Amino acid sequence: MNPTDIRTTFFTGQAFTATSPSGTKFKMTFTSDGKMTREPVEQSGTKSAGTWKLNAKGFCTAWGHAAANCFTVIPSGENKWLVQKTATTIATTVAVWSK
């Protein structure tokens, strides 16, 4: 997805679900002012807050005091998207977003 589509689809202040590769589910909320939160849906996982910004290929996030990481979003079926981090030429899926 291009950065503008990522913003209009996900960064609206409306919560959506993110599932990690290990199966942990989070309620994610990205607001239009560049802030974000994640809250575990189940017992595992921790609540946290951070910031986001768009870049040329997707978006970048920084949770708490951690360094920023950048990602792309790839549509993967109806109401499902893969969030991928690319290291040189290898893309790794770090979450699946769903609405």
Protein backbone atom coordinates (compact mmCIF):
# COMPACT_ATOMS: atom_id res chain seq x y z
CA MET A 1 0.00 0.00 0.00
CA ASN A 2 1.19 3.50 -0.61
CA PRO A 3 1.65 5.77 2.44
CA THR A 4 -1.50 7.81 1.72
CA ASP A 5 -3.65 4.64 1.64
CA ILE A 6 -2.08 3.43 4.89
CA ARG A 7 -3.03 6.74 6.54
CA THR A 8 -6.62 6.72 5.28
CA THR A 9 -7.17 3.03 6.06
CA PHE A 10 -5.50 2.70 9.47
CA PHE A 11 -4.33 6.01 10.95
CA THR A 12 -7.79 7.46 11.61
CA GLY A 13 -8.20 7.00 15.37
CA GLN A 14 -10.32 3.87 14.84
CA ALA A 15 -9.02 0.73 16.57
CA PHE A 16 -8.08 -2.38 14.60
CA THR A 17 -6.47 -5.72 15.47
CA ALA A 18 -2.81 -6.61 15.04
CA THR A 19 -1.66 -10.21 15.48
CA SER A 20 2.02 -10.96 16.06
CA PRO A 21 3.76 -13.99 14.49
CA SER A 22 3.48 -15.73 17.89
CA GLY A 23 -0.31 -15.21 17.88
CA THR A 24 -0.53 -12.39 20.45
CA LYS A 25 -3.37 -9.99 19.54
CA PHE A 26 -3.34 -6.27 20.18
CA LYS A 27 -5.91 -3.52 19.78
CA MET A 28 -4.03 -0.85 17.80
CA THR A 29 -5.05 2.79 17.54
CA PHE A 30 -3.16 5.28 15.37
CA THR A 31 -4.42 8.86 15.60
CA SER A 32 -4.02 11.51 12.91
CA ASP A 33 -1.68 13.57 15.13
CA GLY A 34 1.12 10.96 14.88
CA LYS A 35 0.43 9.09 18.14
CA MET A 36 -0.38 5.42 18.61
CA THR A 37 -1.25 2.91 21.31
CA ARG A 38 -1.41 -0.84 21.51
CA GLU A 39 -3.31 -2.80 24.11
CA PRO A 40 -3.15 -6.58 24.47
CA VAL A 41 -6.47 -8.29 23.75
CA GLU A 42 -5.44 -11.30 25.86
CA GLN A 43 -3.29 -11.78 28.98
CA SER A 44 0.04 -11.86 27.11
CA GLY A 45 1.61 -8.71 25.74
CA THR A 46 2.07 -5.27 27.26
CA LYS A 47 0.28 -1.98 26.73
CA SER A 48 2.45 0.72 25.19
CA ALA A 49 2.36 4.05 23.39
CA GLY A 50 4.50 5.67 20.75
CA THR A 51 4.59 7.77 17.61
CA TRP A 52 4.25 7.10 13.90
CA LYS A 53 5.08 8.89 10.65
CA LEU A 54 4.74 8.07 6.98
CA ASN A 55 7.80 7.54 4.79
CA ALA A 56 8.31 6.99 1.04
CA LYS A 57 7.46 3.26 1.16
CA GLY A 58 5.12 2.94 4.13
CA PHE A 59 5.40 4.08 7.73
CA CYS A 60 7.76 4.17 10.72
CA THR A 61 6.97 3.69 14.41
CA ALA A 62 8.82 4.37 17.64
CA TRP A 63 7.48 2.75 20.83
CA GLY A 64 8.44 4.53 24.04
CA HIS A 65 12.15 5.36 23.95
CA ALA A 66 13.03 2.68 21.38
CA ALA A 67 14.57 3.55 18.02
CA ALA A 68 12.21 3.87 15.06
CA ASN A 69 11.49 0.95 12.74
CA CYS A 70 9.95 1.25 9.29
CA PHE A 71 7.44 -1.05 7.61
CA THR A 72 5.43 -1.68 4.47
CA VAL A 73 1.83 -2.89 4.35
CA ILE A 74 0.79 -5.57 1.86
CA PRO A 75 -2.91 -6.45 1.26
CA SER A 76 -3.47 -10.17 1.93
CA GLY A 77 -7.12 -11.01 1.39
CA GLU A 78 -10.34 -9.44 2.56
CA ASN A 79 -9.80 -7.10 5.53
CA LYS A 80 -6.31 -8.51 6.13
CA TRP A 81 -2.89 -6.89 5.63
CA LEU A 82 0.70 -8.06 6.24
CA VAL A 83 3.01 -5.59 7.98
CA GLN A 84 6.55 -6.26 6.82
CA LYS A 85 9.99 -5.04 7.79
CA THR A 86 12.65 -5.23 5.10
CA ALA A 87 16.29 -5.86 5.93
CA THR A 88 18.28 -5.32 2.72
CA THR A 89 16.29 -7.59 0.35
CA ILE A 90 14.53 -9.95 2.78
CA ALA A 91 11.04 -8.98 3.97
CA THR A 92 9.82 -10.37 7.29
CA THR A 93 6.17 -10.25 8.33
CA VAL A 94 6.02 -8.75 11.84
CA ALA A 95 2.22 -8.55 12.19
CA VAL A 96 -1.07 -9.20 10.45
CA TRP A 97 -3.57 -6.33 10.66
CA SER A 98 -7.29 -6.95 10.36
CA LYS A 99 -10.45 -4.89 10.52
